[in-house]
Amino acid sequence: MAYEARYVLRPNPGADLGAVIDAVKVGAALWKKHGAPDPQLWSVAAGELGNYVMTVKFDNATEYAKVTDPLSADPEFRRWQANNLQSGAFTWVRSNLLRELPLP
């Protein structure tokens, strides 16, 4: 069963959008460093306009854990998180972990 992690963010008013995108690129590179196959960035086109979503897909829960356990412990990732808070450029809206269910 496939798993997908989604991280929704909203640039704060007056923020430099280029800096927001650059921060997400750094985050995606950290995911890749720990084995994430292909992080992607999406711009919300309907509904919560102005939000961006980074998605990371995995074949199963084991593959997800193989990446997120070392990622969470990585000091570089923790610094990246802290820097994002200090910059005030964007706000995390939500995070979701989805598990694919087979349809009969």
Foldseek 3Di string as FASTA:
>chain_A
DKKKKKWKKAFDPPADVVVVVVLVVVVQVLLVVQPQDDWDKAQDPDDPHRMIMIMTMDPDPVSVCSRVVVSVVDPVNVVSVVVVVVVSGMDTPDMDMDDDDDDD
